[in-house]
N, C-alpha and C. Protein backbone atom coordinates (compact mmCIF):
# COMPACT_ATOMS: atom_id res chain seq x y z
N MET A 1 -17.00 37.49 21.42
CA MET A 1 -16.67 36.16 20.92
C MET A 1 -17.66 35.17 21.52
N HIS A 2 -18.17 34.27 20.71
CA HIS A 2 -19.11 33.25 21.14
C HIS A 2 -18.43 32.31 22.13
N ALA A 3 -19.18 31.79 23.11
CA ALA A 3 -18.60 30.94 24.17
C ALA A 3 -17.93 29.69 23.59
N ARG A 4 -18.55 29.05 22.60
CA ARG A 4 -17.98 27.85 22.00
C ARG A 4 -16.66 28.17 21.30
N THR A 5 -16.60 29.28 20.56
CA THR A 5 -15.38 29.71 19.88
C THR A 5 -14.30 30.04 20.88
N THR A 6 -14.68 30.71 21.97
CA THR A 6 -13.71 31.05 23.02
C THR A 6 -13.13 29.78 23.63
N THR A 7 -13.96 28.78 23.88
CA THR A 7 -13.48 27.52 24.46
C THR A 7 -12.49 26.83 23.52
N ARG A 8 -12.80 26.79 22.23
CA ARG A 8 -11.89 26.17 21.26
C ARG A 8 -10.57 26.93 21.18
N PHE A 9 -10.64 28.25 21.19
CA PHE A 9 -9.45 29.07 21.12
C PHE A 9 -8.57 28.83 22.35
N LEU A 10 -9.18 28.78 23.53
CA LEU A 10 -8.41 28.54 24.76
C LEU A 10 -7.77 27.14 24.76
N ALA A 11 -8.51 26.13 24.25
CA ALA A 11 -7.96 24.77 24.20
C ALA A 11 -6.75 24.72 23.28
N LEU A 12 -6.83 25.41 22.14
CA LEU A 12 -5.70 25.45 21.21
C LEU A 12 -4.52 26.18 21.83
N ALA A 13 -4.78 27.31 22.50
CA ALA A 13 -3.71 28.08 23.13
C ALA A 13 -3.03 27.26 24.23
N LEU A 14 -3.82 26.54 25.03
CA LEU A 14 -3.24 25.70 26.09
C LEU A 14 -2.41 24.57 25.51
N ALA A 15 -2.88 23.95 24.42
CA ALA A 15 -2.12 22.87 23.79
C ALA A 15 -0.80 23.39 23.27
N LEU A 16 -0.81 24.56 22.64
CA LEU A 16 0.43 25.13 22.12
C LEU A 16 1.37 25.52 23.25
N ALA A 17 0.83 26.08 24.33
CA ALA A 17 1.66 26.47 25.46
C ALA A 17 2.29 25.26 26.13
N ALA A 18 1.59 24.13 26.11
CA ALA A 18 2.12 22.91 26.74
C ALA A 18 3.10 22.19 25.84
N GLY A 19 3.33 22.71 24.64
CA GLY A 19 4.28 22.08 23.73
C GLY A 19 3.68 20.99 22.88
N THR A 20 2.36 20.86 22.89
CA THR A 20 1.70 19.85 22.07
C THR A 20 1.67 20.34 20.63
N THR A 21 2.03 19.47 19.71
CA THR A 21 1.99 19.85 18.30
C THR A 21 0.75 19.26 17.64
N LEU A 22 0.26 19.95 16.65
CA LEU A 22 -0.86 19.44 15.89
C LEU A 22 -0.37 18.32 14.98
N ALA A 23 -1.25 17.38 14.66
CA ALA A 23 -0.88 16.24 13.82
C ALA A 23 -0.42 16.72 12.45
N ALA A 24 0.69 16.17 11.99
CA ALA A 24 1.20 16.51 10.67
C ALA A 24 0.29 15.88 9.61
N GLU A 25 0.25 16.51 8.45
CA GLU A 25 -0.49 15.96 7.33
C GLU A 25 0.29 14.78 6.75
N PRO A 26 -0.42 13.76 6.25
CA PRO A 26 0.29 12.66 5.59
C PRO A 26 1.04 13.18 4.36
N GLU A 27 2.22 12.61 4.12
CA GLU A 27 3.00 12.97 2.94
C GLU A 27 3.49 11.69 2.28
N VAL A 28 3.85 11.79 1.00
CA VAL A 28 4.36 10.63 0.29
C VAL A 28 5.69 10.23 0.92
N ALA A 29 5.77 9.01 1.44
CA ALA A 29 6.98 8.51 2.09
C ALA A 29 7.75 7.55 1.20
N ALA A 30 7.06 6.91 0.26
CA ALA A 30 7.70 5.99 -0.69
C ALA A 30 6.78 5.87 -1.90
N GLN A 31 7.38 5.79 -3.09
CA GLN A 31 6.54 5.67 -4.27
C GLN A 31 7.31 5.15 -5.48
N GLN A 32 6.56 4.50 -6.34
CA GLN A 32 6.97 4.17 -7.70
C GLN A 32 5.69 4.38 -8.49
N PHE A 33 5.55 5.55 -9.08
CA PHE A 33 4.27 6.01 -9.59
C PHE A 33 4.05 5.67 -11.06
N ASN A 34 5.02 5.12 -11.75
CA ASN A 34 4.87 4.83 -13.17
C ASN A 34 4.11 3.52 -13.37
N VAL A 35 3.21 3.52 -14.37
CA VAL A 35 2.40 2.36 -14.68
C VAL A 35 2.70 1.92 -16.10
N ARG A 36 2.84 0.62 -16.29
CA ARG A 36 3.04 0.07 -17.63
C ARG A 36 1.66 -0.31 -18.19
N SER A 37 0.90 0.69 -18.56
CA SER A 37 -0.44 0.47 -19.08
C SER A 37 -0.36 0.03 -20.54
N PRO A 38 -1.16 -0.87 -20.99
CA PRO A 38 -2.28 -1.53 -20.31
C PRO A 38 -1.90 -2.88 -19.68
N VAL A 39 -0.62 -3.10 -19.39
CA VAL A 39 -0.20 -4.39 -18.82
C VAL A 39 -0.73 -4.51 -17.39
N ASN A 40 -1.42 -5.62 -17.13
CA ASN A 40 -1.92 -5.86 -15.78
C ASN A 40 -1.85 -7.34 -15.49
N THR A 41 -2.11 -7.66 -14.24
CA THR A 41 -2.10 -9.04 -13.78
C THR A 41 -3.27 -9.23 -12.83
N VAL A 42 -3.50 -10.45 -12.40
CA VAL A 42 -4.64 -10.77 -11.56
C VAL A 42 -4.17 -11.09 -10.14
N ILE A 43 -4.84 -10.49 -9.17
CA ILE A 43 -4.69 -10.89 -7.78
C ILE A 43 -5.81 -11.91 -7.54
N GLY A 44 -5.46 -13.12 -7.18
CA GLY A 44 -6.44 -14.19 -7.03
C GLY A 44 -6.33 -15.16 -8.18
N GLY A 45 -7.40 -15.30 -8.93
CA GLY A 45 -7.41 -16.22 -10.06
C GLY A 45 -7.36 -17.67 -9.60
N GLY A 46 -7.27 -18.57 -10.55
CA GLY A 46 -7.24 -20.00 -10.26
C GLY A 46 -6.03 -20.43 -9.46
N VAL A 47 -4.95 -19.64 -9.51
CA VAL A 47 -3.73 -20.00 -8.78
C VAL A 47 -3.58 -19.21 -7.48
N GLN A 48 -4.62 -18.45 -7.10
CA GLN A 48 -4.61 -17.69 -5.85
C GLN A 48 -3.37 -16.80 -5.73
N GLN A 49 -3.08 -16.08 -6.79
CA GLN A 49 -1.88 -15.24 -6.85
C GLN A 49 -1.97 -14.08 -5.86
N ARG A 50 -0.87 -13.84 -5.16
CA ARG A 50 -0.73 -12.73 -4.21
C ARG A 50 0.50 -11.93 -4.59
N PHE A 51 0.51 -10.64 -4.24
CA PHE A 51 1.64 -9.77 -4.56
C PHE A 51 2.12 -9.03 -3.33
N ALA A 52 3.37 -8.58 -3.38
CA ALA A 52 3.95 -7.77 -2.31
C ALA A 52 4.96 -6.81 -2.93
N GLN A 53 5.20 -5.72 -2.23
CA GLN A 53 6.24 -4.76 -2.62
C GLN A 53 6.96 -4.33 -1.35
N THR A 54 8.27 -4.46 -1.35
CA THR A 54 9.04 -3.92 -0.23
C THR A 54 9.34 -2.46 -0.52
N PHE A 55 9.49 -1.69 0.55
CA PHE A 55 9.75 -0.26 0.43
C PHE A 55 10.60 0.21 1.60
N GLU A 56 11.24 1.34 1.41
CA GLU A 56 12.11 1.93 2.43
C GLU A 56 11.42 3.14 3.04
N LEU A 57 11.36 3.18 4.37
CA LEU A 57 10.85 4.35 5.10
C LEU A 57 12.07 5.03 5.72
N TYR A 58 12.27 6.31 5.38
CA TYR A 58 13.48 7.01 5.79
C TYR A 58 13.36 7.77 7.10
N TYR A 59 12.16 7.87 7.65
CA TYR A 59 11.96 8.58 8.91
C TYR A 59 10.86 7.87 9.69
N ARG A 60 10.79 8.16 10.98
CA ARG A 60 9.73 7.60 11.81
C ARG A 60 8.41 8.25 11.39
N GLY A 61 7.43 7.41 11.08
CA GLY A 61 6.16 7.97 10.61
C GLY A 61 5.00 7.02 10.83
N GLU A 62 3.82 7.61 10.90
CA GLU A 62 2.58 6.85 11.02
C GLU A 62 2.05 6.61 9.62
N VAL A 63 2.11 5.36 9.16
CA VAL A 63 1.64 5.02 7.82
C VAL A 63 0.12 5.02 7.85
N SER A 64 -0.47 5.94 7.06
CA SER A 64 -1.91 6.15 7.11
C SER A 64 -2.65 5.54 5.93
N HIS A 65 -2.05 5.54 4.75
CA HIS A 65 -2.74 5.00 3.58
C HIS A 65 -1.77 4.81 2.43
N LEU A 66 -2.26 4.14 1.41
CA LEU A 66 -1.50 4.03 0.17
C LEU A 66 -2.47 4.08 -0.99
N THR A 67 -1.92 4.36 -2.16
CA THR A 67 -2.72 4.33 -3.38
C THR A 67 -2.11 3.30 -4.31
N LEU A 68 -3.00 2.58 -5.00
CA LEU A 68 -2.59 1.51 -5.90
C LEU A 68 -3.44 1.54 -7.16
N PRO A 69 -2.87 1.19 -8.31
CA PRO A 69 -3.66 1.05 -9.53
C PRO A 69 -4.30 -0.34 -9.56
N VAL A 70 -5.38 -0.50 -8.82
CA VAL A 70 -6.02 -1.79 -8.63
C VAL A 70 -7.53 -1.62 -8.72
N GLY A 71 -8.18 -2.61 -9.28
CA GLY A 71 -9.63 -2.65 -9.32
C GLY A 71 -10.08 -4.07 -9.06
N CYS A 72 -11.27 -4.22 -8.47
CA CYS A 72 -11.75 -5.56 -8.09
C CYS A 72 -13.19 -5.78 -8.53
N ALA A 73 -13.55 -7.04 -8.68
CA ALA A 73 -14.94 -7.42 -8.91
C ALA A 73 -15.74 -7.04 -7.67
N PRO A 74 -17.02 -6.72 -7.82
CA PRO A 74 -17.82 -6.26 -6.67
C PRO A 74 -17.87 -7.23 -5.50
N ASN A 75 -17.82 -8.56 -5.75
CA ASN A 75 -17.90 -9.54 -4.66
C ASN A 75 -16.54 -9.94 -4.11
N ALA A 76 -15.49 -9.33 -4.60
CA ALA A 76 -14.15 -9.62 -4.09
C ALA A 76 -13.81 -8.63 -2.97
N ASN A 77 -12.89 -9.03 -2.13
CA ASN A 77 -12.31 -8.14 -1.13
C ASN A 77 -10.81 -8.13 -1.33
N LEU A 78 -10.22 -6.95 -1.27
CA LEU A 78 -8.77 -6.84 -1.33
C LEU A 78 -8.25 -6.70 0.09
N ILE A 79 -7.35 -7.59 0.48
CA ILE A 79 -6.74 -7.53 1.81
C ILE A 79 -5.35 -6.95 1.63
N VAL A 80 -5.09 -5.83 2.30
CA VAL A 80 -3.79 -5.15 2.23
C VAL A 80 -3.17 -5.21 3.62
N THR A 81 -1.95 -5.72 3.69
CA THR A 81 -1.25 -5.75 4.98
C THR A 81 0.04 -4.95 4.87
N LEU A 82 0.49 -4.45 6.00
CA LEU A 82 1.85 -3.94 6.15
C LEU A 82 2.58 -4.94 7.02
N GLU A 83 3.78 -5.34 6.58
CA GLU A 83 4.53 -6.39 7.28
C GLU A 83 5.99 -5.99 7.44
N THR A 84 6.64 -6.67 8.36
CA THR A 84 8.09 -6.57 8.45
C THR A 84 8.67 -7.43 7.33
N VAL A 85 9.97 -7.32 7.11
CA VAL A 85 10.65 -8.19 6.15
C VAL A 85 11.68 -9.03 6.90
N ASN A 86 12.02 -10.19 6.33
CA ASN A 86 13.02 -11.03 6.97
C ASN A 86 14.42 -10.64 6.47
N ARG A 87 15.43 -11.38 6.89
CA ARG A 87 16.81 -11.04 6.52
C ARG A 87 17.07 -11.11 5.03
N SER A 88 16.26 -11.88 4.31
CA SER A 88 16.41 -11.98 2.85
C SER A 88 15.71 -10.83 2.12
N GLY A 89 15.02 -9.97 2.87
CA GLY A 89 14.35 -8.83 2.27
C GLY A 89 12.98 -9.12 1.70
N VAL A 90 12.37 -10.25 2.09
CA VAL A 90 11.03 -10.60 1.63
C VAL A 90 10.03 -10.44 2.78
N PRO A 91 8.73 -10.30 2.49
CA PRO A 91 7.75 -10.18 3.57
C PRO A 91 7.84 -11.35 4.53
N SER A 92 7.81 -11.03 5.83
CA SER A 92 8.03 -12.05 6.86
C SER A 92 6.77 -12.76 7.32
N GLY A 93 5.60 -12.20 7.03
CA GLY A 93 4.36 -12.76 7.56
C GLY A 93 3.96 -12.13 8.88
N VAL A 94 4.82 -11.28 9.46
CA VAL A 94 4.50 -10.57 10.69
C VAL A 94 3.72 -9.31 10.29
N ILE A 95 2.41 -9.35 10.55
CA ILE A 95 1.51 -8.28 10.11
C ILE A 95 1.49 -7.17 11.14
N LEU A 96 1.74 -5.94 10.68
CA LEU A 96 1.73 -4.75 11.53
C LEU A 96 0.36 -4.08 11.53
N THR A 97 -0.31 -4.10 10.42
CA THR A 97 -1.71 -3.65 10.29
C THR A 97 -2.29 -4.26 9.04
N GLU A 98 -3.62 -4.32 8.99
CA GLU A 98 -4.31 -4.95 7.87
C GLU A 98 -5.56 -4.16 7.55
N GLN A 99 -5.88 -4.08 6.27
CA GLN A 99 -7.10 -3.40 5.84
C GLN A 99 -7.82 -4.25 4.81
N ARG A 100 -9.11 -4.48 5.02
CA ARG A 100 -9.97 -5.18 4.06
C ARG A 100 -10.76 -4.12 3.30
N VAL A 101 -10.65 -4.17 1.96
CA VAL A 101 -11.32 -3.19 1.11
C VAL A 101 -12.32 -3.91 0.23
N PRO A 102 -13.62 -3.56 0.31
CA PRO A 102 -14.61 -4.20 -0.55
C PRO A 102 -14.36 -3.86 -2.01
N GLY A 103 -14.44 -4.88 -2.87
CA GLY A 103 -14.23 -4.67 -4.29
C GLY A 103 -15.21 -3.68 -4.90
N SER A 104 -16.38 -3.56 -4.30
CA SER A 104 -17.41 -2.68 -4.84
C SER A 104 -17.00 -1.21 -4.83
N ILE A 105 -15.98 -0.83 -4.04
CA ILE A 105 -15.54 0.57 -4.03
C ILE A 105 -14.25 0.79 -4.81
N LEU A 106 -13.71 -0.29 -5.38
CA LEU A 106 -12.50 -0.16 -6.19
C LEU A 106 -12.88 -0.25 -7.66
N HIS A 107 -12.59 0.76 -8.42
CA HIS A 107 -12.94 0.79 -9.84
C HIS A 107 -12.27 -0.37 -10.56
N ALA A 108 -13.04 -1.21 -11.23
CA ALA A 108 -12.49 -2.40 -11.86
C ALA A 108 -11.99 -2.15 -13.28
N TYR A 109 -12.62 -1.27 -14.02
CA TYR A 109 -12.26 -1.07 -15.42
C TYR A 109 -11.98 0.39 -15.68
N PRO A 110 -10.73 0.81 -15.52
CA PRO A 110 -10.40 2.23 -15.69
C PRO A 110 -10.48 2.68 -17.14
N THR A 111 -11.18 3.78 -17.35
CA THR A 111 -11.28 4.34 -18.68
C THR A 111 -11.31 5.86 -18.53
N PRO A 112 -10.53 6.63 -19.19
CA PRO A 112 -9.52 6.24 -20.16
C PRO A 112 -8.15 6.04 -19.54
N SER A 113 -7.98 6.30 -18.24
CA SER A 113 -6.66 6.15 -17.64
C SER A 113 -6.75 5.23 -16.43
N VAL A 114 -5.59 4.78 -15.97
CA VAL A 114 -5.53 3.87 -14.83
C VAL A 114 -5.66 4.68 -13.55
N PRO A 115 -6.68 4.40 -12.71
CA PRO A 115 -6.83 5.15 -11.46
C PRO A 115 -5.95 4.57 -10.35
N PHE A 116 -5.46 5.43 -9.50
CA PHE A 116 -4.80 4.99 -8.27
C PHE A 116 -5.85 5.11 -7.18
N ASN A 117 -6.35 3.97 -6.71
CA ASN A 117 -7.38 3.97 -5.69
C ASN A 117 -6.77 4.10 -4.30
N LEU A 118 -7.44 4.88 -3.47
CA LEU A 118 -7.00 5.14 -2.10
C LEU A 118 -7.38 3.98 -1.19
N ILE A 119 -6.41 3.51 -0.42
CA ILE A 119 -6.65 2.48 0.60
C ILE A 119 -6.16 3.07 1.92
N GLU A 120 -7.11 3.40 2.77
CA GLU A 120 -6.78 4.03 4.06
C GLU A 120 -6.81 2.97 5.16
N PHE A 121 -5.77 2.96 5.98
CA PHE A 121 -5.72 2.03 7.10
C PHE A 121 -6.54 2.59 8.25
N THR A 122 -7.56 1.85 8.68
CA THR A 122 -8.37 2.33 9.81
C THR A 122 -7.57 2.24 11.11
N ARG A 123 -6.53 1.41 11.10
CA ARG A 123 -5.60 1.35 12.24
C ARG A 123 -4.19 1.68 11.71
N PRO A 124 -3.90 2.99 11.56
CA PRO A 124 -2.55 3.36 11.09
C PRO A 124 -1.50 2.83 12.06
N VAL A 125 -0.30 2.62 11.54
CA VAL A 125 0.77 2.07 12.36
C VAL A 125 1.99 2.99 12.26
N THR A 126 2.62 3.25 13.40
CA THR A 126 3.83 4.07 13.42
C THR A 126 5.04 3.16 13.28
N LEU A 127 5.87 3.47 12.28
CA LEU A 127 7.04 2.65 11.97
C LEU A 127 8.31 3.46 12.11
N ASP A 128 9.36 2.80 12.56
CA ASP A 128 10.68 3.41 12.60
C ASP A 128 11.30 3.35 11.21
N PRO A 129 12.36 4.12 10.94
CA PRO A 129 13.02 4.00 9.64
C PRO A 129 13.45 2.56 9.39
N GLY A 130 13.31 2.12 8.15
CA GLY A 130 13.69 0.76 7.81
C GLY A 130 12.96 0.26 6.58
N THR A 131 13.10 -1.04 6.32
CA THR A 131 12.47 -1.68 5.17
C THR A 131 11.26 -2.47 5.64
N TYR A 132 10.16 -2.30 4.91
CA TYR A 132 8.90 -2.97 5.21
C TYR A 132 8.30 -3.46 3.89
N ALA A 133 7.13 -4.09 3.97
CA ALA A 133 6.43 -4.56 2.78
C ALA A 133 4.95 -4.34 2.94
N PHE A 134 4.27 -4.14 1.81
CA PHE A 134 2.82 -4.28 1.82
C PHE A 134 2.49 -5.48 0.94
N THR A 135 1.42 -6.22 1.31
CA THR A 135 1.00 -7.39 0.55
C THR A 135 -0.44 -7.20 0.08
N LEU A 136 -0.77 -7.87 -1.02
CA LEU A 136 -2.09 -7.78 -1.63
C LEU A 136 -2.65 -9.18 -1.85
N THR A 137 -3.79 -9.46 -1.22
CA THR A 137 -4.44 -10.76 -1.32
C THR A 137 -5.91 -10.54 -1.64
N ARG A 138 -6.47 -11.39 -2.49
CA ARG A 138 -7.89 -11.31 -2.82
C ARG A 138 -8.64 -12.38 -2.04
N LYS A 139 -9.76 -11.99 -1.43
CA LYS A 139 -10.67 -12.93 -0.76
C LYS A 139 -12.05 -12.74 -1.38
N GLY A 140 -12.89 -13.76 -1.26
CA GLY A 140 -14.25 -13.66 -1.80
C GLY A 140 -14.31 -14.14 -3.23
N ARG A 141 -15.43 -13.80 -3.91
CA ARG A 141 -15.63 -14.24 -5.29
C ARG A 141 -15.19 -13.13 -6.24
N GLY A 142 -14.66 -13.52 -7.37
CA GLY A 142 -14.17 -12.55 -8.33
C GLY A 142 -12.71 -12.22 -8.05
N ASP A 143 -12.09 -11.57 -8.99
CA ASP A 143 -10.67 -11.26 -8.89
C ASP A 143 -10.44 -9.76 -8.84
N CYS A 144 -9.19 -9.42 -8.60
CA CYS A 144 -8.76 -8.03 -8.65
C CYS A 144 -7.72 -7.89 -9.77
N THR A 145 -7.73 -6.76 -10.43
CA THR A 145 -6.78 -6.45 -11.50
C THR A 145 -5.77 -5.46 -10.96
N LEU A 146 -4.50 -5.77 -11.15
CA LEU A 146 -3.41 -4.91 -10.68
C LEU A 146 -2.57 -4.48 -11.86
N TYR A 147 -2.38 -3.19 -12.04
CA TYR A 147 -1.50 -2.67 -13.08
C TYR A 147 -0.10 -2.59 -12.51
N VAL A 148 0.89 -2.91 -13.32
CA VAL A 148 2.27 -3.04 -12.84
C VAL A 148 3.12 -1.88 -13.34
N GLY A 149 4.31 -1.78 -12.79
CA GLY A 149 5.27 -0.75 -13.21
C GLY A 149 5.96 -1.13 -14.49
N PRO A 150 6.73 -0.19 -15.04
CA PRO A 150 7.46 -0.43 -16.29
C PRO A 150 8.55 -1.49 -16.12
N ASP A 151 9.09 -1.96 -17.24
CA ASP A 151 10.21 -2.90 -17.21
C ASP A 151 11.37 -2.31 -16.42
N GLY A 152 12.04 -3.17 -15.68
CA GLY A 152 13.26 -2.76 -14.99
C GLY A 152 13.04 -2.40 -13.53
N ASP A 153 14.12 -2.04 -12.89
CA ASP A 153 14.13 -1.71 -11.46
C ASP A 153 13.81 -0.23 -11.29
N THR A 154 12.53 0.11 -11.35
CA THR A 154 12.11 1.51 -11.26
C THR A 154 12.02 2.02 -9.84
N TYR A 155 12.11 1.13 -8.86
CA TYR A 155 12.14 1.52 -7.44
C TYR A 155 13.29 0.74 -6.79
N PRO A 156 14.52 1.27 -6.86
CA PRO A 156 15.68 0.52 -6.38
C PRO A 156 15.69 0.27 -4.87
N GLN A 157 14.85 0.97 -4.11
CA GLN A 157 14.81 0.79 -2.65
C GLN A 157 14.01 -0.45 -2.23
N GLY A 158 13.38 -1.14 -3.18
CA GLY A 158 12.59 -2.32 -2.85
C GLY A 158 12.36 -3.19 -4.06
N LYS A 159 11.61 -4.27 -3.85
CA LYS A 159 11.32 -5.21 -4.93
C LYS A 159 9.86 -5.66 -4.84
N ALA A 160 9.34 -6.07 -6.01
CA ALA A 160 8.02 -6.69 -6.06
C ALA A 160 8.18 -8.20 -5.96
N TRP A 161 7.18 -8.86 -5.34
CA TRP A 161 7.22 -10.30 -5.11
C TRP A 161 5.84 -10.89 -5.40
N PHE A 162 5.79 -12.21 -5.64
CA PHE A 162 4.51 -12.89 -5.77
C PHE A 162 4.60 -14.30 -5.23
N ILE A 163 3.41 -14.82 -4.89
CA ILE A 163 3.22 -16.23 -4.51
C ILE A 163 2.01 -16.71 -5.30
N ALA A 164 2.07 -17.90 -5.85
CA ALA A 164 0.93 -18.48 -6.56
C ALA A 164 0.98 -20.00 -6.44
N ASN A 165 -0.20 -20.62 -6.39
CA ASN A 165 -0.26 -22.08 -6.37
C ASN A 165 0.43 -22.64 -7.60
N GLY A 166 1.13 -23.76 -7.43
CA GLY A 166 1.87 -24.37 -8.53
C GLY A 166 3.32 -23.92 -8.58
N ASN A 167 3.66 -22.88 -7.84
CA ASN A 167 5.05 -22.42 -7.69
C ASN A 167 5.53 -22.83 -6.30
N PRO A 168 6.81 -22.62 -6.01
CA PRO A 168 7.25 -22.88 -4.63
C PRO A 168 6.43 -22.05 -3.64
N PRO A 169 6.21 -22.56 -2.43
CA PRO A 169 5.34 -21.87 -1.46
C PRO A 169 6.05 -20.74 -0.71
N TYR A 170 6.76 -19.91 -1.43
CA TYR A 170 7.41 -18.75 -0.81
C TYR A 170 7.44 -17.61 -1.83
N TRP A 171 7.76 -16.42 -1.34
CA TRP A 171 7.77 -15.24 -2.20
C TRP A 171 8.87 -15.37 -3.26
N ILE A 172 8.51 -15.07 -4.51
CA ILE A 172 9.42 -15.09 -5.64
C ILE A 172 9.45 -13.69 -6.24
N GLU A 173 10.64 -13.22 -6.63
CA GLU A 173 10.72 -11.89 -7.24
C GLU A 173 9.88 -11.85 -8.51
N SER A 174 9.13 -10.77 -8.68
CA SER A 174 8.17 -10.66 -9.78
C SER A 174 8.84 -10.43 -11.12
N PHE A 175 8.43 -11.23 -12.08
CA PHE A 175 8.83 -11.09 -13.48
C PHE A 175 7.56 -11.11 -14.31
N PHE A 176 7.09 -9.95 -14.76
CA PHE A 176 5.89 -9.91 -15.59
C PHE A 176 6.23 -10.11 -17.05
N THR A 177 7.49 -9.85 -17.39
CA THR A 177 8.03 -10.15 -18.70
C THR A 177 9.18 -11.12 -18.43
N PRO A 178 9.28 -12.24 -19.14
CA PRO A 178 10.33 -13.23 -18.83
C PRO A 178 11.72 -12.59 -18.74
N GLY A 179 12.36 -12.80 -17.59
CA GLY A 179 13.71 -12.30 -17.38
C GLY A 179 13.83 -10.83 -17.05
N VAL A 180 12.70 -10.11 -16.96
CA VAL A 180 12.72 -8.67 -16.68
C VAL A 180 11.95 -8.41 -15.39
N THR A 181 12.60 -7.77 -14.43
CA THR A 181 11.92 -7.46 -13.17
C THR A 181 11.02 -6.24 -13.33
N HIS A 182 10.07 -6.14 -12.43
CA HIS A 182 9.17 -4.99 -12.35
C HIS A 182 8.92 -4.69 -10.88
N ASP A 183 8.69 -3.43 -10.58
CA ASP A 183 8.17 -3.05 -9.27
C ASP A 183 6.68 -2.79 -9.43
N LEU A 184 5.96 -2.82 -8.31
CA LEU A 184 4.56 -2.43 -8.36
C LEU A 184 4.49 -0.92 -8.44
N ALA A 185 3.39 -0.42 -8.95
CA ALA A 185 3.12 1.01 -8.93
C ALA A 185 2.37 1.31 -7.63
N PHE A 186 2.85 2.31 -6.87
CA PHE A 186 2.24 2.59 -5.57
C PHE A 186 2.67 3.97 -5.08
N GLN A 187 1.92 4.49 -4.14
CA GLN A 187 2.32 5.64 -3.33
C GLN A 187 1.94 5.30 -1.89
N LEU A 188 2.88 5.41 -0.98
CA LEU A 188 2.66 5.13 0.43
C LEU A 188 2.79 6.43 1.20
N TYR A 189 1.82 6.72 2.07
CA TYR A 189 1.76 7.99 2.81
C TYR A 189 2.00 7.76 4.29
N ALA A 190 2.73 8.68 4.92
CA ALA A 190 2.99 8.61 6.35
C ALA A 190 2.97 10.02 6.93
N ARG A 191 2.61 10.10 8.22
CA ARG A 191 2.71 11.34 8.97
C ARG A 191 4.01 11.30 9.77
N PRO A 192 4.92 12.23 9.57
CA PRO A 192 6.17 12.22 10.34
C PRO A 192 5.87 12.30 11.84
N ARG A 193 6.62 11.54 12.62
CA ARG A 193 6.46 11.51 14.09
C ARG A 193 7.76 11.88 14.76
């Protein structure tokens, strides 16, 4: 056996003997995967529209990434945060981790189907079971396009929210069709801890 291979084998054996476990693979911890294509909305725009989705985490896990049906102009940046929620169940503004994604790597015009783009947190965060939110904000020039979920409450464990200039300065439950709620389309991944 080669010396380098022997060293790796011994390190693995010692870790297992000491009770150390190898890192679990990320798994889908929360999702609403249906998309109401071709219905979409703008993150940013003249009213600086922002979106959020609350979700339920059922076990302690390290949130590593999420996928979203979103695309951005090359000069835009998508800011994704994970936040706590307040007693009313809306994002609290307390940021647990944040990721800036350059628009140049997010496909802006999906053809022929809507892509779910991967957003990986460079600083994953370990969360206890409970309700949390992710938020979506556009910075820079150009906008981002977000595809939404079907009509109705397709993810009963959470709600979609938005804030836009010209509306009250707080999160409002999302209505993409007048009088009809929608959830965002998303998949959130966590490593069980």
